[in-house]
Amino acid sequence: MRYRTGLFALFIMLLLSRMTLAAESLAGPEDNAIESVLSNSKTLQRETLALLDELYFTEQSILYPQQDLLLILFAQDHGADIYLQRLELSIDDKPVEVHYYRGGDLEKLMDNAEQSLFSTLVPAGNHTLRARLYGLGLMSGPYIEGEATIAKGKKALYIKLLIQSNSLAFKEWN
């Protein structure tokens, strides 16, 4: 649908451009009718571009509504003694993300960077977030876990995943 709409709009723009060029080549100093057609053609081109712009923004707001956005970030305290290997994330008991850490990722996280871990659209209501972090240097075994139930309202929700002693904590922030 979107592809056909774009092609149709481009066809209209091409047609209007051809009309404008034809009117300009035929225009003489005494021909007011051709100047009127030329002026109308340029006005239609501007209106078509404005409609295409409006169509694009409307389509984006329908496809990606901001009020349904859920963004999960991850941060590791500076100087943490954990060598991260893998992080698994699930929402409402459905696995949604598995991230494997590389050397460059670890260096950035050690310098107080925040990693954008996952973003999705979720409807308003209660949702269960669960994370499991595998790494070396964990006191409680090969992994630590965290779980939280969040109440998603009508606005975008931003969650920060933090390592706290022997577990993961989900912290909501604005």
N, C-alpha and C. Protein backbone atom coordinates (compact mmCIF):
# COMPACT_ATOMS: atom_id res chain seq x y z
N MET A 1 0.83 -1.20 0.00
CA MET A 1 0.00 0.00 0.00
C MET A 1 0.87 1.26 0.00
N ARG A 2 1.85 1.26 0.89
CA ARG A 2 2.73 2.42 1.02
C ARG A 2 3.53 2.63 -0.26
N TYR A 3 3.96 1.52 -0.86
CA TYR A 3 4.75 1.58 -2.08
C TYR A 3 3.93 2.18 -3.22
N ARG A 4 2.66 1.74 -3.33
CA ARG A 4 1.80 2.26 -4.40
C ARG A 4 1.48 3.74 -4.18
N THR A 5 1.28 4.13 -2.94
CA THR A 5 0.99 5.54 -2.65
C THR A 5 2.17 6.42 -3.04
N GLY A 6 3.37 5.96 -2.71
CA GLY A 6 4.56 6.72 -3.07
C GLY A 6 4.74 6.81 -4.58
N LEU A 7 4.51 5.70 -5.27
CA LEU A 7 4.63 5.73 -6.73
C LEU A 7 3.59 6.65 -7.36
N PHE A 8 2.37 6.62 -6.84
CA PHE A 8 1.34 7.48 -7.36
C PHE A 8 1.71 8.95 -7.16
N ALA A 9 2.22 9.28 -5.98
CA ALA A 9 2.62 10.66 -5.70
C ALA A 9 3.77 11.09 -6.62
N LEU A 10 4.72 10.19 -6.85
CA LEU A 10 5.81 10.53 -7.76
C LEU A 10 5.31 10.71 -9.19
N PHE A 11 4.34 9.90 -9.60
CA PHE A 11 3.74 10.04 -10.92
C PHE A 11 3.07 11.41 -11.07
N ILE A 12 2.33 11.82 -10.04
CA ILE A 12 1.65 13.12 -10.06
C ILE A 12 2.69 14.24 -10.16
N MET A 13 3.77 14.12 -9.37
CA MET A 13 4.82 15.15 -9.41
C MET A 13 5.47 15.21 -10.80
N LEU A 14 5.73 14.06 -11.40
CA LEU A 14 6.33 14.02 -12.72
C LEU A 14 5.39 14.63 -13.76
N LEU A 15 4.12 14.30 -13.65
CA LEU A 15 3.12 14.84 -14.57
C LEU A 15 3.03 16.36 -14.44
N LEU A 16 3.01 16.86 -13.22
CA LEU A 16 2.94 18.31 -13.00
C LEU A 16 4.21 19.00 -13.50
N SER A 17 5.35 18.36 -13.33
CA SER A 17 6.60 18.94 -13.83
C SER A 17 6.59 19.03 -15.35
N ARG A 18 6.09 17.97 -16.00
CA ARG A 18 6.00 17.99 -17.47
C ARG A 18 5.05 19.08 -17.95
N MET A 19 3.92 19.23 -17.23
CA MET A 19 2.96 20.27 -17.60
C MET A 19 3.60 21.65 -17.47
N THR A 20 4.38 21.83 -16.40
CA THR A 20 5.04 23.11 -16.17
C THR A 20 6.05 23.40 -17.27
N LEU A 21 6.86 22.41 -17.62
CA LEU A 21 7.84 22.60 -18.69
C LEU A 21 7.18 22.88 -20.03
N ALA A 22 6.08 22.17 -20.32
CA ALA A 22 5.37 22.39 -21.58
C ALA A 22 4.78 23.79 -21.62
N ALA A 23 4.21 24.22 -20.49
CA ALA A 23 3.61 25.55 -20.44
C ALA A 23 4.67 26.64 -20.59
N GLU A 24 5.85 26.42 -19.98
CA GLU A 24 6.92 27.41 -20.09
C GLU A 24 7.45 27.51 -21.53
N SER A 25 7.53 26.38 -22.23
CA SER A 25 8.06 26.42 -23.60
C SER A 25 7.06 27.03 -24.57
N LEU A 26 5.77 26.95 -24.28
CA LEU A 26 4.75 27.51 -25.17
C LEU A 26 4.40 28.96 -24.84
N ALA A 27 4.82 29.40 -23.69
CA ALA A 27 4.40 30.73 -23.23
C ALA A 27 5.05 31.82 -24.07
N GLY A 28 4.22 32.74 -24.44
CA GLY A 28 4.67 33.94 -25.12
C GLY A 28 4.30 35.13 -24.27
N PRO A 29 4.79 36.30 -24.61
CA PRO A 29 4.50 37.47 -23.79
C PRO A 29 3.01 37.82 -23.80
N GLU A 30 2.26 37.43 -24.84
CA GLU A 30 0.85 37.82 -24.91
C GLU A 30 -0.09 36.73 -24.40
N ASP A 31 0.41 35.57 -23.99
CA ASP A 31 -0.44 34.44 -23.67
C ASP A 31 -0.67 34.33 -22.16
N ASN A 32 -1.71 34.96 -21.64
CA ASN A 32 -2.02 34.95 -20.21
C ASN A 32 -2.57 33.61 -19.75
N ALA A 33 -3.25 32.89 -20.63
CA ALA A 33 -3.83 31.59 -20.26
C ALA A 33 -2.74 30.59 -19.92
N ILE A 34 -1.65 30.61 -20.66
CA ILE A 34 -0.56 29.67 -20.40
C ILE A 34 0.14 30.04 -19.09
N GLU A 35 0.27 31.33 -18.82
CA GLU A 35 0.87 31.74 -17.55
C GLU A 35 0.00 31.31 -16.38
N SER A 36 -1.30 31.36 -16.55
CA SER A 36 -2.22 30.91 -15.51
C SER A 36 -2.07 29.41 -15.25
N VAL A 37 -1.96 28.62 -16.34
CA VAL A 37 -1.76 27.17 -16.20
C VAL A 37 -0.43 26.89 -15.51
N LEU A 38 0.60 27.64 -15.88
CA LEU A 38 1.91 27.49 -15.28
C LEU A 38 1.86 27.78 -13.77
N SER A 39 1.20 28.83 -13.40
CA SER A 39 1.07 29.21 -11.99
C SER A 39 0.30 28.14 -11.22
N ASN A 40 -0.81 27.66 -11.82
CA ASN A 40 -1.60 26.61 -11.16
C ASN A 40 -0.79 25.32 -11.00
N SER A 41 0.01 25.00 -12.01
CA SER A 41 0.83 23.80 -11.95
C SER A 41 1.84 23.88 -10.81
N LYS A 42 2.48 25.02 -10.64
CA LYS A 42 3.45 25.19 -9.56
C LYS A 42 2.77 25.13 -8.19
N THR A 43 1.58 25.70 -8.10
CA THR A 43 0.81 25.64 -6.85
C THR A 43 0.45 24.19 -6.53
N LEU A 44 0.02 23.42 -7.53
CA LEU A 44 -0.31 22.02 -7.32
C LEU A 44 0.91 21.20 -6.90
N GLN A 45 2.07 21.54 -7.43
CA GLN A 45 3.29 20.84 -7.03
C GLN A 45 3.59 21.08 -5.55
N ARG A 46 3.47 22.31 -5.11
CA ARG A 46 3.71 22.63 -3.69
C ARG A 46 2.70 21.92 -2.80
N GLU A 47 1.43 21.90 -3.20
CA GLU A 47 0.40 21.23 -2.40
C GLU A 47 0.63 19.72 -2.36
N THR A 48 1.08 19.14 -3.48
CA THR A 48 1.36 17.71 -3.51
C THR A 48 2.50 17.36 -2.58
N LEU A 49 3.55 18.18 -2.58
CA LEU A 49 4.67 17.95 -1.66
C LEU A 49 4.23 18.07 -0.20
N ALA A 50 3.37 19.03 0.09
CA ALA A 50 2.87 19.18 1.46
C ALA A 50 2.04 17.97 1.86
N LEU A 51 1.21 17.45 0.94
CA LEU A 51 0.41 16.26 1.24
C LEU A 51 1.29 15.03 1.44
N LEU A 52 2.34 14.89 0.65
CA LEU A 52 3.26 13.77 0.83
C LEU A 52 3.95 13.84 2.19
N ASP A 53 4.34 15.03 2.59
CA ASP A 53 4.96 15.22 3.88
C ASP A 53 4.00 14.85 5.01
N GLU A 54 2.77 15.31 4.91
CA GLU A 54 1.75 15.01 5.91
C GLU A 54 1.45 13.52 5.95
N LEU A 55 1.40 12.88 4.78
CA LEU A 55 1.15 11.45 4.70
C LEU A 55 2.26 10.67 5.40
N TYR A 56 3.50 11.08 5.20
CA TYR A 56 4.63 10.41 5.83
C TYR A 56 4.54 10.50 7.35
N PHE A 57 4.31 11.69 7.88
CA PHE A 57 4.25 11.85 9.33
C PHE A 57 3.05 11.13 9.94
N THR A 58 1.92 11.11 9.24
CA THR A 58 0.75 10.38 9.72
C THR A 58 1.06 8.88 9.77
N GLU A 59 1.68 8.38 8.72
CA GLU A 59 2.02 6.97 8.66
C GLU A 59 2.98 6.59 9.79
N GLN A 60 3.99 7.43 10.05
CA GLN A 60 4.94 7.16 11.11
C GLN A 60 4.28 7.15 12.48
N SER A 61 3.33 8.07 12.70
CA SER A 61 2.67 8.11 14.00
C SER A 61 1.74 6.92 14.20
N ILE A 62 1.21 6.36 13.11
CA ILE A 62 0.36 5.16 13.22
C ILE A 62 1.23 3.92 13.44
N LEU A 63 2.32 3.81 12.71
CA LEU A 63 3.19 2.64 12.84
C LEU A 63 3.96 2.61 14.14
N TYR A 64 4.39 3.76 14.62
CA TYR A 64 5.22 3.82 15.82
C TYR A 64 4.66 4.82 16.82
N PRO A 65 3.54 4.49 17.47
CA PRO A 65 2.96 5.43 18.44
C PRO A 65 3.84 5.57 19.68
N GLN A 66 4.17 6.78 20.04
CA GLN A 66 5.07 7.05 21.16
C GLN A 66 4.52 6.58 22.50
N GLN A 67 3.21 6.59 22.67
CA GLN A 67 2.66 6.23 23.97
C GLN A 67 2.84 4.74 24.27
N ASP A 68 3.10 3.90 23.27
CA ASP A 68 3.27 2.46 23.48
C ASP A 68 4.74 2.05 23.59
N LEU A 69 5.66 2.99 23.57
CA LEU A 69 7.08 2.67 23.54
C LEU A 69 7.58 2.18 24.90
N LEU A 70 8.35 1.10 24.87
CA LEU A 70 9.07 0.59 26.03
C LEU A 70 10.53 0.48 25.64
N LEU A 71 11.39 1.17 26.35
CA LEU A 71 12.83 1.17 26.06
C LEU A 71 13.56 0.68 27.30
N ILE A 72 14.43 -0.33 27.11
CA ILE A 72 15.19 -0.89 28.22
C ILE A 72 16.66 -0.63 27.98
N LEU A 73 17.31 0.00 28.96
CA LEU A 73 18.74 0.33 28.92
C LEU A 73 19.48 -0.52 29.94
N PHE A 74 20.76 -0.72 29.70
CA PHE A 74 21.59 -1.47 30.64
C PHE A 74 22.83 -0.64 30.96
N ALA A 75 23.22 -0.64 32.23
CA ALA A 75 24.42 0.08 32.66
C ALA A 75 25.14 -0.75 33.71
N GLN A 76 26.47 -0.70 33.67
CA GLN A 76 27.29 -1.38 34.66
C GLN A 76 28.08 -0.32 35.40
N ASP A 77 28.16 -0.45 36.72
CA ASP A 77 28.90 0.52 37.51
C ASP A 77 30.36 0.55 37.08
N HIS A 78 30.95 1.76 37.15
CA HIS A 78 32.36 1.93 36.77
C HIS A 78 33.23 1.09 37.70
N GLY A 79 34.09 0.30 37.10
CA GLY A 79 35.00 -0.52 37.89
C GLY A 79 34.38 -1.81 38.38
N ALA A 80 33.26 -2.22 37.81
CA ALA A 80 32.63 -3.47 38.23
C ALA A 80 33.57 -4.64 37.97
N ASP A 81 33.49 -5.66 38.83
CA ASP A 81 34.39 -6.80 38.75
C ASP A 81 33.79 -7.96 37.95
N ILE A 82 32.80 -7.71 37.15
CA ILE A 82 32.11 -8.76 36.41
C ILE A 82 32.47 -8.66 34.93
N TYR A 83 32.87 -9.80 34.38
CA TYR A 83 33.14 -9.87 32.95
C TYR A 83 31.87 -10.39 32.28
N LEU A 84 31.15 -9.50 31.61
CA LEU A 84 29.86 -9.85 31.03
C LEU A 84 30.03 -10.74 29.80
N GLN A 85 29.18 -11.77 29.71
CA GLN A 85 29.21 -12.65 28.56
C GLN A 85 27.93 -12.57 27.74
N ARG A 86 26.79 -12.67 28.42
CA ARG A 86 25.51 -12.73 27.70
C ARG A 86 24.40 -12.22 28.61
N LEU A 87 23.43 -11.52 28.01
CA LEU A 87 22.27 -11.04 28.74
C LEU A 87 21.02 -11.50 27.99
N GLU A 88 20.11 -12.14 28.71
CA GLU A 88 18.85 -12.60 28.14
C GLU A 88 17.71 -11.79 28.75
N LEU A 89 16.79 -11.34 27.93
CA LEU A 89 15.68 -10.52 28.38
C LEU A 89 14.37 -11.13 27.88
N SER A 90 13.38 -11.17 28.77
CA SER A 90 12.05 -11.64 28.36
C SER A 90 11.00 -10.68 28.91
N ILE A 91 9.93 -10.55 28.14
CA ILE A 91 8.78 -9.73 28.55
C ILE A 91 7.56 -10.62 28.52
N ASP A 92 6.85 -10.69 29.65
CA ASP A 92 5.66 -11.54 29.79
C ASP A 92 5.98 -12.99 29.41
N ASP A 93 7.10 -13.50 29.91
CA ASP A 93 7.56 -14.88 29.71
C ASP A 93 7.86 -15.23 28.25
N LYS A 94 8.07 -14.22 27.40
CA LYS A 94 8.45 -14.45 26.01
C LYS A 94 9.86 -13.89 25.82
N PRO A 95 10.82 -14.73 25.41
CA PRO A 95 12.17 -14.22 25.16
C PRO A 95 12.15 -13.18 24.03
N VAL A 96 12.76 -12.03 24.28
CA VAL A 96 12.73 -10.96 23.28
C VAL A 96 14.13 -10.53 22.84
N GLU A 97 15.14 -10.80 23.65
CA GLU A 97 16.49 -10.32 23.31
C GLU A 97 17.53 -11.20 24.00
N VAL A 98 18.56 -11.56 23.25
CA VAL A 98 19.76 -12.19 23.80
C VAL A 98 20.92 -11.40 23.23
N HIS A 99 21.71 -10.82 24.12
CA HIS A 99 22.84 -9.99 23.68
C HIS A 99 24.14 -10.62 24.17
N TYR A 100 25.06 -10.86 23.24
CA TYR A 100 26.38 -11.38 23.56
C TYR A 100 27.36 -10.21 23.58
N TYR A 101 28.13 -10.12 24.66
CA TYR A 101 29.05 -9.00 24.83
C TYR A 101 30.41 -9.31 24.20
N ARG A 102 30.95 -8.28 23.55
CA ARG A 102 32.29 -8.34 22.96
C ARG A 102 33.19 -7.38 23.74
N GLY A 103 34.45 -7.42 23.41
CA GLY A 103 35.42 -6.57 24.11
C GLY A 103 35.09 -5.09 24.06
N GLY A 104 34.69 -4.60 22.89
CA GLY A 104 34.35 -3.18 22.74
C GLY A 104 33.15 -2.78 23.58
N ASP A 105 32.16 -3.67 23.67
CA ASP A 105 30.98 -3.40 24.49
C ASP A 105 31.38 -3.25 25.96
N LEU A 106 32.25 -4.15 26.40
CA LEU A 106 32.66 -4.15 27.80
C LEU A 106 33.43 -2.89 28.16
N GLU A 107 34.31 -2.46 27.26
CA GLU A 107 35.07 -1.24 27.53
C GLU A 107 34.15 -0.03 27.67
N LYS A 108 33.16 0.06 26.81
CA LYS A 108 32.21 1.19 26.88
C LYS A 108 31.42 1.15 28.17
N LEU A 109 30.95 -0.05 28.56
CA LEU A 109 30.17 -0.16 29.80
C LEU A 109 31.02 0.14 31.02
N MET A 110 32.31 -0.17 30.97
CA MET A 110 33.19 0.13 32.10
C MET A 110 33.41 1.64 32.24
N ASP A 111 33.19 2.39 31.17
CA ASP A 111 33.35 3.85 31.21
C ASP A 111 32.01 4.56 31.44
N ASN A 112 31.11 3.94 32.16
CA ASN A 112 29.80 4.49 32.53
C ASN A 112 28.87 4.71 31.34
N ALA A 113 29.05 3.96 30.28
CA ALA A 113 28.13 4.07 29.14
C ALA A 113 26.84 3.33 29.46
N GLU A 114 25.80 3.74 28.78
CA GLU A 114 24.51 3.05 28.89
C GLU A 114 24.22 2.42 27.55
N GLN A 115 23.85 1.16 27.58
CA GLN A 115 23.57 0.41 26.37
C GLN A 115 22.06 0.35 26.15
N SER A 116 21.63 0.74 24.96
CA SER A 116 20.24 0.58 24.59
C SER A 116 20.04 -0.89 24.28
N LEU A 117 19.41 -1.60 25.17
CA LEU A 117 19.31 -3.05 25.07
C LEU A 117 18.15 -3.49 24.18
N PHE A 118 16.98 -2.88 24.37
CA PHE A 118 15.81 -3.34 23.65
C PHE A 118 14.76 -2.24 23.64
N SER A 119 14.06 -2.10 22.51
CA SER A 119 12.91 -1.19 22.46
C SER A 119 11.81 -1.87 21.67
N THR A 120 10.60 -1.66 22.10
CA THR A 120 9.45 -2.28 21.46
C THR A 120 8.20 -1.47 21.77
N LEU A 121 7.11 -1.85 21.15
CA LEU A 121 5.82 -1.25 21.43
C LEU A 121 5.01 -2.23 22.26
N VAL A 122 4.53 -1.80 23.40
CA VAL A 122 3.69 -2.64 24.25
C VAL A 122 2.46 -1.84 24.65
N PRO A 123 1.31 -2.50 24.76
CA PRO A 123 0.11 -1.78 25.17
C PRO A 123 0.14 -1.45 26.66
N ALA A 124 -0.73 -0.56 27.07
CA ALA A 124 -0.84 -0.19 28.48
C ALA A 124 -1.27 -1.41 29.28
N GLY A 125 -0.84 -1.46 30.54
CA GLY A 125 -1.18 -2.58 31.41
C GLY A 125 0.04 -3.06 32.17
N ASN A 126 -0.12 -4.15 32.91
CA ASN A 126 0.97 -4.72 33.68
C ASN A 126 1.75 -5.71 32.83
N HIS A 127 3.07 -5.63 32.93
CA HIS A 127 3.96 -6.52 32.19
C HIS A 127 5.07 -6.99 33.10
N THR A 128 5.52 -8.23 32.89
CA THR A 128 6.60 -8.80 33.68
C THR A 128 7.88 -8.80 32.86
N LEU A 129 8.90 -8.16 33.42
CA LEU A 129 10.22 -8.13 32.79
C LEU A 129 11.13 -9.09 33.56
N ARG A 130 11.89 -9.88 32.83
CA ARG A 130 12.81 -10.81 33.44
C ARG A 130 14.13 -10.75 32.68
N ALA A 131 15.23 -10.72 33.44
CA ALA A 131 16.55 -10.67 32.82
C ALA A 131 17.47 -11.65 33.52
N ARG A 132 18.36 -12.23 32.72
CA ARG A 132 19.38 -13.14 33.26
C ARG A 132 20.71 -12.74 32.62
N LEU A 133 21.69 -12.46 33.47
CA LEU A 133 23.01 -12.02 33.02
C LEU A 133 24.05 -13.08 33.35
N TYR A 134 24.74 -13.55 32.32
CA TYR A 134 25.81 -14.53 32.48
C TYR A 134 27.14 -13.80 32.42
N GLY A 135 28.05 -14.22 33.29
CA GLY A 135 29.35 -13.59 33.28
C GLY A 135 30.31 -14.28 34.22
N LEU A 136 31.55 -13.85 34.19
CA LEU A 136 32.59 -14.37 35.07
C LEU A 136 32.78 -13.39 36.23
N GLY A 137 33.01 -13.93 37.41
CA GLY A 137 33.24 -13.09 38.58
C GLY A 137 31.98 -12.84 39.39
N LEU A 138 30.90 -13.55 39.09
CA LEU A 138 29.67 -13.41 39.86
C LEU A 138 29.76 -14.25 41.13
N MET A 139 29.36 -13.72 42.25
CA MET A 139 29.46 -14.42 43.53
C MET A 139 28.45 -15.55 43.66
N SER A 140 27.30 -15.43 43.00
CA SER A 140 26.21 -16.39 43.21
C SER A 140 26.19 -17.53 42.21
N GLY A 141 27.16 -17.63 41.32
CA GLY A 141 27.17 -18.71 40.34
C GLY A 141 27.42 -18.17 38.94
N PRO A 142 27.00 -18.93 37.92
CA PRO A 142 27.30 -18.50 36.55
C PRO A 142 26.43 -17.36 36.04
N TYR A 143 25.35 -17.04 36.75
CA TYR A 143 24.46 -15.97 36.29
C TYR A 143 23.76 -15.32 37.48
N ILE A 144 23.23 -14.12 37.21
CA ILE A 144 22.34 -13.45 38.16
C ILE A 144 21.06 -13.11 37.43
N GLU A 145 19.97 -13.03 38.18
CA GLU A 145 18.66 -12.78 37.58
C GLU A 145 17.98 -11.61 38.25
N GLY A 146 17.00 -11.09 37.56
CA GLY A 146 16.14 -10.04 38.10
C GLY A 146 14.79 -10.11 37.44
N GLU A 147 13.78 -9.74 38.20
CA GLU A 147 12.42 -9.74 37.68
C GLU A 147 11.67 -8.56 38.27
N ALA A 148 10.82 -7.98 37.45
CA ALA A 148 10.01 -6.86 37.92
C ALA A 148 8.70 -6.84 37.16
N THR A 149 7.66 -6.40 37.83
CA THR A 149 6.37 -6.18 37.18
C THR A 149 6.21 -4.68 37.03
N ILE A 150 5.99 -4.25 35.82
CA ILE A 150 5.85 -2.82 35.56
C ILE A 150 4.41 -2.52 35.18
N ALA A 151 3.98 -1.33 35.51
CA ALA A 151 2.65 -0.86 35.12
C ALA A 151 2.85 0.14 33.99
N LYS A 152 2.57 -0.27 32.80
CA LYS A 152 2.72 0.59 31.61
C LYS A 152 1.49 1.45 31.49
N GLY A 153 1.69 2.76 31.51
CA GLY A 153 0.59 3.70 31.37
C GLY A 153 0.42 4.18 29.94
N LYS A 154 -0.06 5.39 29.79
CA LYS A 154 -0.33 5.96 28.47
C LYS A 154 0.88 6.66 27.85
N LYS A 155 1.96 6.75 28.60
CA LYS A 155 3.17 7.41 28.09
C LYS A 155 4.25 6.39 27.81
N ALA A 156 5.29 6.83 27.10
CA ALA A 156 6.45 5.97 26.87
C ALA A 156 7.09 5.63 28.20
N LEU A 157 7.64 4.42 28.30
CA LEU A 157 8.24 3.96 29.55
C LEU A 157 9.71 3.62 29.30
N TYR A 158 10.58 4.17 30.12
CA TYR A 158 12.02 3.94 30.02
C TYR A 158 12.47 3.20 31.26
N ILE A 159 13.11 2.05 31.07
CA ILE A 159 13.55 1.20 32.17
C ILE A 159 15.07 1.05 32.09
N LYS A 160 15.72 1.15 33.23
CA LYS A 160 17.16 0.97 33.30
C LYS A 160 17.44 -0.31 34.09
N LEU A 161 18.23 -1.19 33.52
CA LEU A 161 18.60 -2.46 34.14
C LEU A 161 19.96 -2.27 34.80
N LEU A 162 20.04 -2.52 36.10
CA LEU A 162 21.26 -2.29 36.88
C LEU A 162 21.68 -3.55 37.62
N ILE A 163 22.98 -3.72 37.83
CA ILE A 163 23.49 -4.81 38.65
C ILE A 163 23.53 -4.31 40.09
N GLN A 164 22.81 -5.03 40.98
CA GLN A 164 22.83 -4.68 42.40
C GLN A 164 23.18 -5.93 43.20
N SER A 165 24.34 -5.95 43.78
CA SER A 165 24.92 -7.08 44.52
C SER A 165 24.76 -8.38 43.73
N ASN A 166 23.90 -9.28 44.15
CA ASN A 166 23.76 -10.57 43.49
C ASN A 166 22.47 -10.69 42.68
N SER A 167 21.97 -9.58 42.17
CA SER A 167 20.75 -9.63 41.35
C SER A 167 20.73 -8.44 40.38
N LEU A 168 19.78 -8.51 39.49
CA LEU A 168 19.54 -7.41 38.55
C LEU A 168 18.31 -6.66 39.00
N ALA A 169 18.35 -5.36 38.91
CA ALA A 169 17.21 -4.52 39.30
C ALA A 169 16.74 -3.69 38.13
N PHE A 170 15.45 -3.54 38.00
CA PHE A 170 14.85 -2.71 36.98
C PHE A 170 14.44 -1.40 37.62
N LYS A 171 14.95 -0.30 37.08
CA LYS A 171 14.64 1.02 37.65
C LYS A 171 13.96 1.86 36.57
N GLU A 172 12.80 2.41 36.90
CA GLU A 172 12.07 3.27 35.97
C GLU A 172 12.61 4.68 36.05
N TRP A 173 12.79 5.31 34.89
CA TRP A 173 13.27 6.70 34.88
C TRP A 173 12.60 7.47 33.77
N ASN A 174 12.61 8.79 33.92
CA ASN A 174 11.96 9.67 32.95
C ASN A 174 12.96 10.33 32.06
